[in-house]
Protein backbone atom coordinates (compact mmCIF):
# COMPACT_ATOMS: atom_id res chain seq x y z
CA MET A 1 90.23 -4.81 -1.97
CA ASP A 2 93.58 -6.57 -1.83
CA GLN A 3 94.30 -8.71 -4.70
CA ASN A 4 93.95 -12.30 -2.63
CA ALA A 5 90.54 -11.34 -1.94
CA ARG A 6 89.84 -10.18 -5.64
CA LYS A 7 90.65 -13.96 -6.48
CA ARG A 8 87.91 -15.80 -3.93
CA GLU A 9 85.60 -13.29 -5.02
CA THR A 10 86.38 -14.29 -8.31
CA ILE A 11 86.15 -18.03 -7.76
CA ARG A 12 83.14 -17.60 -6.01
CA VAL A 13 81.12 -15.63 -8.77
CA GLY A 14 82.80 -18.28 -11.15
CA LEU A 15 81.28 -21.11 -9.04
CA ALA A 16 77.41 -19.74 -8.41
CA LEU A 17 77.21 -19.02 -12.47
CA ALA A 18 78.93 -23.10 -13.00
CA ILE A 19 76.20 -23.84 -10.29
CA ALA A 20 72.92 -21.50 -12.20
CA LEU A 21 74.23 -22.38 -15.55
CA LEU A 22 73.54 -26.01 -14.68
CA VAL A 23 70.69 -25.75 -12.86
CA PHE A 24 68.92 -23.60 -16.24
CA VAL A 25 69.86 -26.08 -18.60
CA ILE A 26 68.73 -29.26 -16.47
CA GLU A 27 65.04 -27.38 -15.18
CA LEU A 28 64.68 -26.66 -18.95
CA VAL A 29 65.35 -30.76 -20.16
CA LYS A 30 63.23 -31.71 -17.41
CA GLY A 31 60.48 -29.43 -17.06
CA LEU A 32 59.71 -30.98 -21.00
CA GLU A 33 60.42 -34.73 -19.68
CA ALA A 34 57.71 -33.72 -17.19
CA ASN A 35 55.66 -31.70 -18.99
CA SER A 36 55.53 -29.61 -16.68
CA LEU A 37 55.48 -25.48 -17.28
CA SER A 38 56.30 -24.27 -14.11
CA LEU A 39 59.23 -26.43 -13.94
CA PHE A 40 60.43 -25.43 -17.23
CA LEU A 41 59.68 -21.82 -16.55
CA ASP A 42 61.25 -22.02 -13.72
CA GLY A 43 64.58 -23.10 -15.32
CA LEU A 44 64.29 -20.05 -17.77
CA HIS A 45 63.57 -17.77 -14.22
CA VAL A 46 67.48 -18.89 -13.25
CA GLY A 47 68.58 -18.04 -17.29
CA ALA A 48 67.05 -14.77 -17.24
CA ASP A 49 69.51 -14.26 -14.23
CA LEU A 50 72.30 -15.39 -15.45
CA ALA A 51 73.15 -11.66 -16.98
CA SER A 52 73.56 -9.99 -13.80
CA LEU A 53 75.59 -13.35 -12.51
CA VAL A 54 77.96 -12.71 -16.25
CA GLY A 55 78.69 -9.06 -15.53
CA SER A 56 79.65 -9.72 -11.78
CA LEU A 57 82.28 -12.32 -12.99
CA ILE A 58 83.44 -9.54 -15.69
CA ILE A 59 83.63 -7.42 -12.92
CA ALA A 60 85.76 -9.42 -10.60
CA VAL A 61 88.26 -10.85 -13.28
CA VAL A 62 88.62 -7.10 -14.53
CA LEU A 63 89.48 -5.85 -11.26
CA TYR A 64 91.58 -8.70 -10.31
CA ARG A 65 93.09 -8.36 -13.46
CA ARG A 66 94.14 -4.34 -12.21
CA PRO A 67 95.62 -4.30 -9.28
CA ASN A 68 96.97 -1.25 -9.14
CA VAL A 69 92.85 0.17 -9.96
CA THR A 70 91.68 2.59 -7.05
CA SER A 71 89.19 2.81 -5.17
CA GLU A 72 87.44 5.64 -7.11
CA GLU A 73 88.00 3.53 -10.21
CA GLU A 74 87.01 0.35 -8.61
CA GLN A 75 83.82 2.06 -7.28
CA VAL A 76 83.17 3.75 -11.09
CA TYR A 77 83.90 0.35 -12.83
CA GLU A 78 81.54 -1.62 -10.45
CA THR A 79 79.06 0.82 -10.47
CA ARG A 80 78.96 0.65 -14.16
CA MET A 81 79.28 -2.59 -15.35
CA HIS A 82 76.37 -3.77 -12.68
CA ARG A 83 73.81 -1.29 -14.06
CA ARG A 84 74.48 -2.68 -17.28
CA ALA A 85 73.92 -6.30 -16.60
CA ALA A 86 71.14 -4.80 -14.63
CA LEU A 87 69.30 -3.86 -17.21
CA LEU A 88 70.28 -6.73 -19.40
CA ASN A 89 68.99 -8.67 -16.74
CA ALA A 90 65.28 -6.29 -16.21
CA LYS A 91 65.10 -6.90 -20.22
CA LEU A 92 65.62 -10.69 -20.32
CA LEU A 93 62.67 -10.72 -17.36
CA ALA A 94 60.36 -9.01 -18.93
CA VAL A 95 60.81 -11.57 -21.92
CA VAL A 96 60.62 -14.46 -19.69
CA VAL A 97 57.05 -12.60 -17.80
CA PHE A 98 55.45 -12.77 -21.40
CA VAL A 99 56.78 -16.05 -21.95
CA ILE A 100 55.09 -17.39 -18.36
CA ILE A 101 51.81 -15.84 -18.77
CA SER A 102 50.91 -16.10 -22.12
CA GLY A 103 51.58 -20.04 -21.85
CA SER A 104 49.74 -19.96 -18.92
CA PHE A 105 46.61 -19.21 -19.92
CA ILE A 106 47.47 -21.44 -23.30
CA ARG A 107 48.15 -24.25 -20.82
CA LEU A 108 44.67 -23.71 -18.03
CA PHE A 109 42.44 -23.99 -21.07
CA ASN A 110 44.52 -27.08 -22.58
CA PRO A 111 46.46 -29.11 -19.30
CA GLY A 112 48.27 -32.01 -20.67
CA LYS A 113 49.51 -34.55 -18.65
CA VAL A 114 52.43 -33.30 -16.03
CA GLU A 115 54.78 -35.79 -14.18
CA GLY A 116 54.20 -34.31 -10.73
CA ALA A 117 56.91 -36.75 -8.73
CA LEU A 118 59.43 -35.50 -11.50
CA VAL A 119 58.21 -31.63 -11.05
CA PHE A 120 58.29 -32.76 -7.51
CA GLY A 121 62.43 -34.10 -6.93
CA TRP A 122 63.79 -31.87 -9.99
CA GLY A 123 62.16 -28.46 -7.83
CA LEU A 124 64.46 -29.63 -5.41
CA PHE A 125 67.58 -29.74 -7.50
CA GLY A 126 66.99 -26.35 -8.33
CA LEU A 127 66.44 -24.93 -4.78
CA GLY A 128 69.26 -26.61 -3.95
CA GLY A 129 71.39 -25.06 -6.43
CA ASN A 130 69.82 -21.44 -5.23
CA ILE A 131 70.43 -22.08 -1.56
CA LEU A 132 74.04 -23.24 -2.90
CA GLN A 133 74.82 -20.27 -4.89
CA ARG A 134 73.56 -18.07 -1.88
CA LEU A 135 76.45 -19.79 0.50
CA ILE A 136 78.73 -19.39 -1.72
CA LEU A 137 77.85 -15.10 -2.91
CA SER A 138 77.25 -14.42 1.01
CA GLY A 139 80.27 -13.88 1.70
CA CYS A 140 81.02 -11.29 -1.37
CA PRO A 141 81.44 -7.86 -0.02
CA CYS A 142 80.63 -5.90 -2.60
CA PHE A 143 77.61 -3.51 -3.20
CA TYR A 144 76.08 -5.08 -6.27
CA HIS A 145 76.42 -8.54 -5.10
CA ARG A 146 73.16 -7.80 -2.62
CA SER A 147 71.46 -7.15 -5.98
CA ILE A 148 72.22 -11.03 -7.40
CA ARG A 149 71.40 -12.38 -3.91
CA LEU A 150 67.85 -10.55 -4.66
CA HIS A 151 67.83 -12.78 -7.37
CA ILE A 152 68.36 -15.77 -6.24
CA ASP A 153 66.15 -15.42 -3.34
CA SER A 154 63.79 -14.90 -6.17
CA ASP A 155 64.83 -17.59 -7.83
CA MET A 156 64.39 -19.56 -4.46
CA TRP A 157 60.68 -18.92 -3.59
CA THR A 158 59.38 -20.04 -7.70
CA SER A 159 61.56 -23.39 -7.28
CA ILE A 160 59.77 -23.16 -3.92
CA ALA A 161 56.13 -22.86 -5.11
CA VAL A 162 57.54 -25.51 -7.97
CA ILE A 163 58.18 -28.17 -4.97
CA ILE A 164 54.90 -27.75 -3.63
CA GLY A 165 53.12 -28.06 -7.09
CA GLY A 166 54.45 -31.33 -7.69
CA PRO A 167 52.82 -33.36 -5.15
CA ALA A 168 49.76 -31.73 -5.05
CA ILE A 169 49.15 -32.77 -8.77
CA PHE A 170 50.50 -36.23 -8.51
CA PHE A 171 47.96 -37.03 -5.77
CA THR A 172 45.22 -34.88 -6.87
CA GLY A 173 46.26 -36.09 -10.36
CA TRP A 174 44.58 -32.05 -11.08
CA HIS A 175 46.98 -31.22 -14.26
CA TRP A 176 45.43 -27.59 -14.50
CA ILE A 177 47.83 -26.39 -11.34
CA ASP A 178 50.60 -26.87 -13.23
CA PRO A 179 49.87 -24.24 -15.49
CA LEU A 180 47.66 -21.96 -12.32
CA LEU A 181 51.37 -21.75 -10.51
CA CYS A 182 52.77 -21.04 -13.72
CA LEU A 183 50.85 -17.59 -13.67
CA GLY A 184 51.19 -17.06 -10.21
CA ILE A 185 55.17 -17.50 -10.86
CA GLY A 186 54.60 -14.66 -13.63
CA ILE A 187 52.68 -11.82 -11.58
CA TYR A 188 55.84 -12.43 -8.87
CA ILE A 189 58.51 -12.04 -11.08
CA ALA A 190 56.54 -8.91 -13.05
CA LYS A 191 56.31 -7.80 -9.85
CA THR A 192 59.94 -7.70 -9.49
CA THR A 193 61.22 -6.95 -13.33
CA ARG A 194 59.55 -3.68 -12.37
CA ASN A 195 60.59 -2.76 -8.92
CA LEU A 196 64.10 -3.87 -10.57
CA PHE A 197 63.08 -0.83 -13.21
CA ARG A 198 62.08 1.31 -11.33
CA SER A 199 65.54 1.34 -9.03
CA LEU A 200 67.42 1.57 -12.43
CA ARG A 201 65.96 4.93 -12.91
CA LYS A 202 66.08 6.01 -9.68
CA ASN A 203 70.04 5.17 -9.41
CA GLU A 204 70.52 7.40 -12.85
CA ARG A 205 68.20 10.03 -12.12
CA VAL A 206 70.00 10.12 -9.03
CA GLU A 207 73.87 10.21 -10.99
CA HIS A 208 72.60 13.07 -12.84
CA HIS A 209 71.67 15.16 -10.34
CA HIS A 210 74.99 14.49 -8.69
């Protein structure tokens, strides 16, 4: 990859990281304001995936600053850094899953009043951020971006769940929908986290074999 392409890649990943940080902070704040566990934890999910984006930005910046690197050295560095970022991301997601599931059970038995309209509006904001990230990174050719796009797709599905839950709470007044929704999100993230750990172990076995 030439230096112009590397520069464009660095800018794309930097923009995606900035969007993720914005969504992370705003959804946490608005989740607390709306008393919505689902919106708060949707933001927490985005925050856990920041590890992959930070890792990608480090890869892009380092390779951009090393114009004479060979394609073989580039591949080795990308693989090593991607694995480290993915492992950190998987560990953070495991913590998020624990928080989601334990919080969901607590709130199921003691649901508070949830501002459904706020949940819907800021859920849309989160989904918009996810879609924008996806569009920005769609032009990145590097193999490790496929993993990042999968994380973003996962964030999109949790945002969609939050968006559906907001109006349901608003029109029915059933505030227990929020923790129930969180429980579903937690199970979904647990499944993706398990698959991520399996993928990392599989890649390690393949490399040891070679």
